[in-house]
C-alpha atoms as a PDB file:
ATOM      1  CA  MET A   1      -7.488  27.724 -61.287  1.00  0.00           C
ATOM      2  CA  SER A   2      -4.698  28.569 -58.841  1.00  0.00           C
ATOM      3  CA  ALA A   3      -1.074  27.793 -59.603  1.00  0.00           C
ATOM      4  CA  ILE A   4      -0.939  25.320 -56.690  1.00  0.00           C
ATOM      5  CA  THR A   5      -4.021  23.424 -57.917  1.00  0.00           C
ATOM      6  CA  HIS A   6      -2.625  23.355 -61.443  1.00  0.00           C
ATOM      7  CA  ALA A   7       0.742  22.012 -60.202  1.00  0.00           C
ATOM      8  CA  LEU A   8      -1.005  19.320 -58.141  1.00  0.00           C
ATOM      9  CA  GLN A   9      -3.028  18.215 -61.151  1.00  0.00           C
ATOM     10  CA  ASP A  10       0.129  18.092 -63.289  1.00  0.00           C
ATOM     11  CA  ASN A  11       1.878  15.927 -60.711  1.00  0.00           C
ATOM     12  CA  ALA A  12      -1.127  13.631 -60.273  1.00  0.00           C
ATOM     13  CA  THR A  13      -1.355  13.100 -64.042  1.00  0.00           C
ATOM     14  CA  LEU A  14       2.336  12.329 -64.446  1.00  0.00           C
ATOM     15  CA  ILE A  15       2.415  10.121 -61.352  1.00  0.00           C
ATOM     16  CA  GLY A  16      -0.364   8.069 -62.952  1.00  0.00           C
ATOM     17  CA  ARG A  17       1.674   7.900 -66.160  1.00  0.00           C
ATOM     18  CA  SER A  18       4.739   6.592 -64.304  1.00  0.00           C
ATOM     19  CA  VAL A  19       2.743   4.075 -62.263  1.00  0.00           C
ATOM     20  CA  ARG A  20       1.129   2.682 -65.407  1.00  0.00           C
ATOM     21  CA  ALA A  21       4.525   2.463 -67.105  1.00  0.00           C
ATOM     22  CA  SER A  22       5.921   0.584 -64.088  1.00  0.00           C
ATOM     23  CA  ALA A  23       3.002  -1.835 -64.105  1.00  0.00           C
ATOM     24  CA  ARG A  24       3.633  -2.623 -67.775  1.00  0.00           C
ATOM     25  CA  ASP A  25       7.347  -3.248 -67.203  1.00  0.00           C
ATOM     26  CA  VAL A  26       6.828  -6.782 -65.937  1.00  0.00           C
ATOM     27  CA  GLU A  27      10.463  -7.777 -66.456  1.00  0.00           C
ATOM     28  CA  SER A  28      11.809  -5.075 -64.130  1.00  0.00           C
ATOM     29  CA  ILE A  29       9.177  -5.870 -61.506  1.00  0.00           C
ATOM     30  CA  LEU A  30      10.040  -9.564 -61.540  1.00  0.00           C
ATOM     31  CA  VAL A  31      13.772  -8.903 -61.301  1.00  0.00           C
ATOM     32  CA  SER A  32      13.434  -6.331 -58.519  1.00  0.00           C
ATOM     33  CA  VAL A  33      11.320  -8.758 -56.466  1.00  0.00           C
ATOM     34  CA  LEU A  34      12.678 -12.174 -57.421  1.00  0.00           C
ATOM     35  CA  LEU A  35      16.366 -11.270 -57.110  1.00  0.00           C
ATOM     36  CA  PRO A  36      16.198 -10.222 -53.416  1.00  0.00           C
ATOM     37  CA  ILE A  37      13.953 -13.205 -52.633  1.00  0.00           C
ATOM     38  CA  MET A  38      16.347 -15.622 -54.331  1.00  0.00           C
ATOM     39  CA  LEU A  39      19.322 -14.080 -52.516  1.00  0.00           C
ATOM     40  CA  MET A  40      17.476 -14.257 -49.201  1.00  0.00           C
ATOM     41  CA  CYS A  41      16.651 -17.929 -49.751  1.00  0.00           C
ATOM     42  CA  THR A  42      20.248 -18.628 -50.779  1.00  0.00           C
ATOM     43  CA  PHE A  43      21.717 -16.984 -47.699  1.00  0.00           C
ATOM     44  CA  VAL A  44      19.212 -18.630 -45.338  1.00  0.00           C
ATOM     45  CA  TRP A  45      19.405 -22.140 -46.790  1.00  0.00           C
ATOM     46  CA  VAL A  46      23.019 -22.281 -47.988  1.00  0.00           C
ATOM     47  CA  PHE A  47      25.026 -19.925 -45.763  1.00  0.00           C
ATOM     48  CA  GLY A  48      22.750 -19.500 -42.750  1.00  0.00           C
ATOM     49  CA  GLY A  49      24.052 -22.552 -40.936  1.00  0.00           C
ATOM     50  CA  ALA A  50      27.637 -21.337 -41.162  1.00  0.00           C
ATOM     51  CA  LEU A  51      27.001 -17.747 -40.056  1.00  0.00           C
ATOM     52  CA  ASP A  52      26.729 -16.937 -36.359  1.00  0.00           C
ATOM     53  CA  THR A  53      24.714 -13.765 -35.759  1.00  0.00           C
ATOM     54  CA  GLY A  54      23.604 -14.537 -32.229  1.00  0.00           C
ATOM     55  CA  GLY A  55      20.138 -15.737 -33.221  1.00  0.00           C
ATOM     56  CA  GLU A  56      18.102 -17.092 -36.109  1.00  0.00           C
ATOM     57  CA  TYR A  57      19.804 -16.026 -39.313  1.00  0.00           C
ATOM     58  CA  VAL A  58      16.506 -15.483 -41.141  1.00  0.00           C
ATOM     59  CA  ASP A  59      15.601 -12.824 -38.556  1.00  0.00           C
ATOM     60  CA  TYR A  60      18.976 -11.187 -39.106  1.00  0.00           C
ATOM     61  CA  ILE A  61      18.872 -11.128 -42.890  1.00  0.00           C
ATOM     62  CA  VAL A  62      15.303  -9.971 -43.591  1.00  0.00           C
ATOM     63  CA  PRO A  63      15.944  -6.216 -43.076  1.00  0.00           C
ATOM     64  CA  GLY A  64      18.914  -6.454 -45.442  1.00  0.00           C
ATOM     65  CA  ALA A  65      16.840  -8.320 -48.042  1.00  0.00           C
ATOM     66  CA  ILE A  66      14.156  -5.633 -47.807  1.00  0.00           C
ATOM     67  CA  LEU A  67      16.751  -2.902 -48.393  1.00  0.00           C
ATOM     68  CA  LEU A  68      18.259  -4.846 -51.287  1.00  0.00           C
ATOM     69  CA  CYS A  69      14.826  -5.087 -52.876  1.00  0.00           C
ATOM     70  CA  ALA A  70      13.994  -1.440 -52.169  1.00  0.00           C
ATOM     71  CA  GLY A  71      17.354  -0.223 -53.423  1.00  0.00           C
ATOM     72  CA  TYR A  72      17.122  -2.093 -56.696  1.00  0.00           C
ATOM     73  CA  GLY A  73      13.549  -0.977 -57.283  1.00  0.00           C
ATOM     74  CA  ALA A  74      14.409   2.642 -56.521  1.00  0.00           C
ATOM     75  CA  ALA A  75      17.482   2.518 -58.754  1.00  0.00           C
ATOM     76  CA  GLN A  76      15.206   1.738 -61.704  1.00  0.00           C
ATOM     77  CA  THR A  77      14.137   5.382 -61.438  1.00  0.00           C
ATOM     78  CA  ALA A  78      17.461   6.336 -63.015  1.00  0.00           C
ATOM     79  CA  VAL A  79      16.685   4.212 -66.078  1.00  0.00           C
ATOM     80  CA  ALA A  80      13.154   5.620 -66.388  1.00  0.00           C
ATOM     81  CA  VAL A  81      14.276   9.259 -66.096  1.00  0.00           C
ATOM     82  CA  ALA A  82      17.135   8.736 -68.551  1.00  0.00           C
ATOM     83  CA  GLY A  83      14.671   7.128 -70.961  1.00  0.00           C
ATOM     84  CA  ASP A  84      12.397  10.168 -70.871  1.00  0.00           C
ATOM     85  CA  MET A  85      15.321  12.512 -71.405  1.00  0.00           C
ATOM     86  CA  SER A  86      16.743  10.529 -74.324  1.00  0.00           C
ATOM     87  CA  ARG A  87      13.408  10.077 -76.111  1.00  0.00           C
ATOM     88  CA  GLY A  88      12.642  13.789 -76.205  1.00  0.00           C
ATOM     89  CA  ILE A  89       9.339  13.469 -74.343  1.00  0.00           C
ATOM     90  CA  ILE A  90      10.435  16.363 -72.129  1.00  0.00           C
ATOM     91  CA  ASP A  91      10.502  18.666 -75.160  1.00  0.00           C
ATOM     92  CA  ARG A  92       6.936  17.622 -75.899  1.00  0.00           C
ATOM     93  CA  PHE A  93       5.867  18.349 -72.330  1.00  0.00           C
ATOM     94  CA  ARG A  94       7.481  21.784 -72.518  1.00  0.00           C
ATOM     95  CA  THR A  95       5.093  22.729 -75.330  1.00  0.00           C
ATOM     96  CA  MET A  96       2.174  22.091 -72.963  1.00  0.00           C
ATOM     97  CA  PRO A  97       1.006  24.228 -70.020  1.00  0.00           C
ATOM     98  CA  ILE A  98       2.346  21.764 -67.464  1.00  0.00           C
ATOM     99  CA  SER A  99       5.279  21.593 -65.101  1.00  0.00           C
ATOM    100  CA  ALA A 100       7.849  19.487 -66.948  1.00  0.00           C
ATOM    101  CA  PHE A 101       9.729  18.791 -63.688  1.00  0.00           C
ATOM    102  CA  ALA A 102       6.597  16.968 -62.539  1.00  0.00           C
ATOM    103  CA  VAL A 103       7.833  14.149 -64.808  1.00  0.00           C
ATOM    104  CA  VAL A 104      10.669  13.491 -62.348  1.00  0.00           C
ATOM    105  CA  ASN A 105       8.274  13.705 -59.392  1.00  0.00           C
ATOM    106  CA  GLY A 106       6.071  11.134 -61.102  1.00  0.00           C
ATOM    107  CA  HIS A 107       8.938   8.661 -61.424  1.00  0.00           C
ATOM    108  CA  VAL A 108       9.878   9.097 -57.751  1.00  0.00           C
ATOM    109  CA  VAL A 109       6.334   8.532 -56.480  1.00  0.00           C
ATOM    110  CA  ALA A 110       5.975   5.522 -58.786  1.00  0.00           C
ATOM    111  CA  SER A 111       9.164   4.162 -57.214  1.00  0.00           C
ATOM    112  CA  LEU A 112       7.621   4.467 -53.740  1.00  0.00           C
ATOM    113  CA  ALA A 113       4.486   2.616 -54.862  1.00  0.00           C
ATOM    114  CA  ARG A 114       6.479  -0.069 -56.668  1.00  0.00           C
ATOM    115  CA  ASN A 115       8.683  -0.672 -53.639  1.00  0.00           C
ATOM    116  CA  ALA A 116       5.762  -0.835 -51.222  1.00  0.00           C
ATOM    117  CA  VAL A 117       4.353  -3.805 -53.152  1.00  0.00           C
ATOM    118  CA  ALA A 118       7.775  -5.455 -53.509  1.00  0.00           C
ATOM    119  CA  THR A 119       8.504  -5.074 -49.787  1.00  0.00           C
ATOM    120  CA  LEU A 120       5.235  -6.755 -48.827  1.00  0.00           C
ATOM    121  CA  LEU A 121       6.084  -9.693 -51.085  1.00  0.00           C
ATOM    122  CA  VAL A 122       9.583 -10.039 -49.588  1.00  0.00           C
ATOM    123  CA  VAL A 123       8.197  -9.962 -46.031  1.00  0.00           C
ATOM    124  CA  GLY A 124       5.568 -12.546 -46.991  1.00  0.00           C
ATOM    125  CA  VAL A 125       8.227 -14.938 -48.313  1.00  0.00           C
ATOM    126  CA  ALA A 126      10.367 -14.274 -45.236  1.00  0.00           C
ATOM    127  CA  LEU A 127       7.490 -15.352 -42.991  1.00  0.00           C
ATOM    128  CA  LEU A 128       7.320 -18.624 -44.917  1.00  0.00           C
ATOM    129  CA  LEU A 129      11.070 -19.078 -44.304  1.00  0.00           C
ATOM    130  CA  GLY A 130      10.574 -18.739 -40.546  1.00  0.00           C
ATOM    131  CA  PHE A 131      10.925 -14.987 -39.991  1.00  0.00           C
ATOM    132  CA  GLY A 132       9.573 -14.187 -36.539  1.00  0.00           C
ATOM    133  CA  PRO A 133       9.041 -10.442 -36.060  1.00  0.00           C
ATOM    134  CA  THR A 134       8.276  -9.155 -32.571  1.00  0.00           C
ATOM    135  CA  ALA A 135       7.344  -5.601 -33.586  1.00  0.00           C
ATOM    136  CA  THR A 136       4.321  -3.838 -32.156  1.00  0.00           C
ATOM    137  CA  ALA A 137       1.988  -1.798 -34.356  1.00  0.00           C
ATOM    138  CA  GLY A 138       3.927   1.355 -33.480  1.00  0.00           C
ATOM    139  CA  GLU A 139       7.247  -0.289 -34.310  1.00  0.00           C
ATOM    140  CA  TRP A 140       5.895  -1.475 -37.666  1.00  0.00           C
ATOM    141  CA  LEU A 141       4.835   2.102 -38.443  1.00  0.00           C
ATOM    142  CA  ALA A 142       8.269   3.397 -37.436  1.00  0.00           C
ATOM    143  CA  ALA A 143       9.956   0.759 -39.599  1.00  0.00           C
ATOM    144  CA  ALA A 144       7.730   1.721 -42.537  1.00  0.00           C
ATOM    145  CA  GLY A 145       8.690   5.366 -42.015  1.00  0.00           C
ATOM    146  CA  VAL A 146      12.428   4.636 -41.944  1.00  0.00           C
ATOM    147  CA  LEU A 147      12.176   2.399 -45.000  1.00  0.00           C
ATOM    148  CA  GLY A 148       9.995   4.911 -46.857  1.00  0.00           C
ATOM    149  CA  LEU A 149      12.498   7.691 -46.217  1.00  0.00           C
ATOM    150  CA  TYR A 150      15.327   5.486 -47.463  1.00  0.00           C
ATOM    151  CA  VAL A 151      13.425   4.607 -50.645  1.00  0.00           C
ATOM    152  CA  LEU A 152      12.555   8.273 -51.191  1.00  0.00           C
ATOM    153  CA  ALA A 153      16.220   9.240 -50.810  1.00  0.00           C
ATOM    154  CA  ILE A 154      17.498   6.557 -53.168  1.00  0.00           C
ATOM    155  CA  SER A 155      14.756   7.384 -55.678  1.00  0.00           C
ATOM    156  CA  TRP A 156      15.719  11.061 -55.814  1.00  0.00           C
ATOM    157  CA  VAL A 157      19.416  10.252 -56.066  1.00  0.00           C
ATOM    158  CA  SER A 158      18.501   7.802 -58.838  1.00  0.00           C
ATOM    159  CA  ALA A 159      16.591  10.536 -60.647  1.00  0.00           C
ATOM    160  CA  LEU A 160      19.693  12.705 -60.420  1.00  0.00           C
ATOM    161  CA  MET A 161      21.823   9.871 -61.812  1.00  0.00           C
ATOM    162  CA  GLY A 162      19.336   9.398 -64.653  1.00  0.00           C
ATOM    163  CA  LEU A 163      19.666  13.059 -65.596  1.00  0.00           C
ATOM    164  CA  LEU A 164      23.449  12.832 -65.431  1.00  0.00           C
ATOM    165  CA  ALA A 165      23.633   9.623 -67.465  1.00  0.00           C
ATOM    166  CA  GLY A 166      21.590  10.768 -70.412  1.00  0.00           C
ATOM    167  CA  THR A 167      20.839   7.262 -71.737  1.00  0.00           C
ATOM    168  CA  PRO A 168      19.036   4.307 -70.115  1.00  0.00           C
ATOM    169  CA  GLU A 169      22.046   2.055 -70.750  1.00  0.00           C
ATOM    170  CA  ALA A 170      24.389   4.368 -68.847  1.00  0.00           C
ATOM    171  CA  ALA A 171      21.833   4.902 -66.072  1.00  0.00           C
ATOM    172  CA  SER A 172      21.489   1.152 -65.517  1.00  0.00           C
ATOM    173  CA  GLY A 173      25.035   1.168 -64.110  1.00  0.00           C
ATOM    174  CA  PHE A 174      23.693   2.957 -61.038  1.00  0.00           C
ATOM    175  CA  THR A 175      21.662  -0.129 -60.139  1.00  0.00           C
ATOM    176  CA  PHE A 176      24.876  -2.120 -59.709  1.00  0.00           C
ATOM    177  CA  LEU A 177      26.182   0.425 -57.192  1.00  0.00           C
ATOM    178  CA  VAL A 178      22.974   0.282 -55.167  1.00  0.00           C
ATOM    179  CA  LEU A 179      22.971  -3.522 -55.236  1.00  0.00           C
ATOM    180  CA  PHE A 180      26.609  -3.614 -54.141  1.00  0.00           C
ATOM    181  CA  LEU A 181      26.279  -1.365 -51.053  1.00  0.00           C
ATOM    182  CA  PRO A 182      24.268  -3.797 -48.866  1.00  0.00           C
ATOM    183  CA  TYR A 183      27.042  -6.393 -49.103  1.00  0.00           C
ATOM    184  CA  ILE A 184      29.489  -3.987 -47.433  1.00  0.00           C
ATOM    185  CA  SER A 185      27.220  -3.265 -44.495  1.00  0.00           C
ATOM    186  CA  SER A 186      25.507  -5.038 -41.618  1.00  0.00           C
ATOM    187  CA  ALA A 187      22.799  -6.362 -43.960  1.00  0.00           C
ATOM    188  CA  PHE A 188      24.113  -9.927 -44.232  1.00  0.00           C
ATOM    189  CA  VAL A 189      26.900 -10.246 -41.645  1.00  0.00           C
ATOM    190  CA  PRO A 190      27.944  -8.176 -38.598  1.00  0.00           C
ATOM    191  CA  THR A 191      30.329  -5.414 -39.641  1.00  0.00           C
ATOM    192  CA  GLU A 192      32.903  -6.517 -37.054  1.00  0.00           C
ATOM    193  CA  THR A 193      33.458  -9.704 -39.056  1.00  0.00           C
ATOM    194  CA  LEU A 194      34.643  -7.703 -42.074  1.00  0.00           C
ATOM    195  CA  PRO A 195      38.325  -6.925 -42.683  1.00  0.00           C
ATOM    196  CA  GLY A 196      39.519  -3.982 -40.621  1.00  0.00           C
ATOM    197  CA  TRP A 197      40.052  -1.755 -43.631  1.00  0.00           C
ATOM    198  CA  LEU A 198      36.406  -2.279 -44.659  1.00  0.00           C
ATOM    199  CA  GLN A 199      34.781  -1.793 -41.272  1.00  0.00           C
ATOM    200  CA  GLY A 200      35.107   1.989 -41.355  1.00  0.00           C
ATOM    201  CA  PHE A 201      33.284   2.257 -44.665  1.00  0.00           C
ATOM    202  CA  ALA A 202      30.685  -0.352 -43.704  1.00  0.00           C
ATOM    203  CA  GLY A 203      29.834   1.483 -40.498  1.00  0.00           C
ATOM    204  CA  HIS A 204      29.562   4.909 -42.101  1.00  0.00           C
ATOM    205  CA  GLN A 205      27.450   4.334 -45.206  1.00  0.00           C
ATOM    206  CA  PRO A 206      23.645   4.686 -45.270  1.00  0.00           C
ATOM    207  CA  VAL A 207      22.671   1.011 -45.532  1.00  0.00           C
ATOM    208  CA  THR A 208      24.152   0.020 -42.143  1.00  0.00           C
ATOM    209  CA  PRO A 209      22.225   2.442 -39.868  1.00  0.00           C
ATOM    210  CA  VAL A 210      18.995   1.839 -41.800  1.00  0.00           C
ATOM    211  CA  THR A 211      19.445  -1.942 -41.561  1.00  0.00           C
ATOM    212  CA  ASN A 212      20.286  -1.815 -37.851  1.00  0.00           C
ATOM    213  CA  THR A 213      17.279   0.387 -37.155  1.00  0.00           C
ATOM    214  CA  LEU A 214      14.889  -1.874 -39.076  1.00  0.00           C
ATOM    215  CA  ARG A 215      16.341  -4.930 -37.346  1.00  0.00           C
ATOM    216  CA  GLU A 216      15.815  -3.424 -33.900  1.00  0.00           C
ATOM    217  CA  LEU A 217      12.254  -2.356 -34.712  1.00  0.00           C
ATOM    218  CA  MET A 218      11.270  -5.663 -36.320  1.00  0.00           C
ATOM    219  CA  VAL A 219      12.931  -8.289 -34.132  1.00  0.00           C
ATOM    220  CA  GLY A 220      14.231  -6.331 -31.149  1.00  0.00           C
ATOM    221  CA  THR A 221      17.936  -6.776 -31.872  1.00  0.00           C
ATOM    222  CA  PRO A 222      19.790  -3.942 -30.099  1.00  0.00           C
ATOM    223  CA  GLY A 223      22.058  -1.598 -32.015  1.00  0.00           C
ATOM    224  CA  GLY A 224      19.554   0.495 -33.955  1.00  0.00           C
ATOM    225  CA  GLU A 225      20.733   3.876 -35.215  1.00  0.00           C
ATOM    226  CA  PRO A 226      17.486   5.790 -35.869  1.00  0.00           C
ATOM    227  CA  TRP A 227      19.004   9.269 -35.919  1.00  0.00           C
ATOM    228  CA  ALA A 228      21.752   8.238 -38.319  1.00  0.00           C
ATOM    229  CA  ALA A 229      19.176   6.511 -40.547  1.00  0.00           C
ATOM    230  CA  VAL A 230      16.950   9.601 -40.606  1.00  0.00           C
ATOM    231  CA  LEU A 231      19.846  11.990 -41.225  1.00  0.00           C
ATOM    232  CA  TRP A 232      21.139   9.872 -44.104  1.00  0.00           C
ATOM    233  CA  GLY A 233      17.645   9.742 -45.586  1.00  0.00           C
ATOM    234  CA  LEU A 234      17.038  13.481 -45.301  1.00  0.00           C
ATOM    235  CA  GLY A 235      20.521  14.368 -46.551  1.00  0.00           C
ATOM    236  CA  LEU A 236      20.340  12.136 -49.613  1.00  0.00           C
ATOM    237  CA  THR A 237      16.804  13.337 -50.393  1.00  0.00           C
ATOM    238  CA  LEU A 238      17.874  16.989 -50.288  1.00  0.00           C
ATOM    239  CA  LEU A 239      20.904  16.183 -52.427  1.00  0.00           C
ATOM    240  CA  GLY A 240      18.775  14.361 -54.995  1.00  0.00           C
ATOM    241  CA  VAL A 241      16.026  17.003 -55.161  1.00  0.00           C
ATOM    242  CA  ALA A 242      18.417  19.958 -55.391  1.00  0.00           C
ATOM    243  CA  GLY A 243      20.718  18.257 -57.880  1.00  0.00           C
ATOM    244  CA  ALA A 244      17.885  16.975 -60.066  1.00  0.00           C
ATOM    245  CA  ALA A 245      16.166  20.388 -60.120  1.00  0.00           C
ATOM    246  CA  ALA A 246      19.364  22.214 -61.099  1.00  0.00           C
ATOM    247  CA  LEU A 247      20.367  19.660 -63.723  1.00  0.00           C
ATOM    248  CA  PHE A 248      16.848  19.451 -65.158  1.00  0.00           C
ATOM    249  CA  ARG A 249      16.744  23.227 -65.674  1.00  0.00           C
ATOM    250  CA  ARG A 250      20.182  23.212 -67.288  1.00  0.00           C
ATOM    251  CA  LYS A 251      19.362  20.342 -69.619  1.00  0.00           C
ATOM    252  CA  GLY A 252      16.045  21.951 -70.457  1.00  0.00           C
ATOM    253  CA  ARG A 253      17.790  25.048 -71.701  1.00  0.00           C
END
């Protein structure tokens, strides 16, 4: 068996392990889905009438709710990776003829699968709330690509944070950072309505260009920033992969 085939089998096995573990963690799944849905309903029903975004507020907020859901789900990767590191399962894997780093890959791929399901549920609820997308099939595919790259980036950064944290309790703090970022962006209100000293940060952090791009693709609102969204996604993915690989080797020694 070639080294490539062996590595692919290792990754497939550990991806299945992570997916099964995610499916059994019902509490995390419910929170990662229900929290964004509850926030979306709150903003639409309670604050929507007071916020002027130039159109239906539900159309404005859905991309932000999707990113909130995806970010929280991806941030759970940090907790899962930290759990593996603290329980010593990595030492067990190192005694076997498998690629131990495939454990991290498995958690990242499980994050992508988990978020795909959660995103579909959020969009389904949004349609019930009156969300009226105008996207063509090509625009839906482009939106899925942008969102997938964002989830991949956050998942790898989360894996890096899980390796840095060392314990699941410490790693869970990363989820608060990811949940906080969408509020200082264009996810819920236009950035120009924020205080001047916040607008610079809001306009130059990853959530804003991704949100604007999804909003333009889904409902045709101008102002998308596809290149910025892609560059943020690629940059954060490279940072997460490189950092996680280096830290995993160091901790393994």
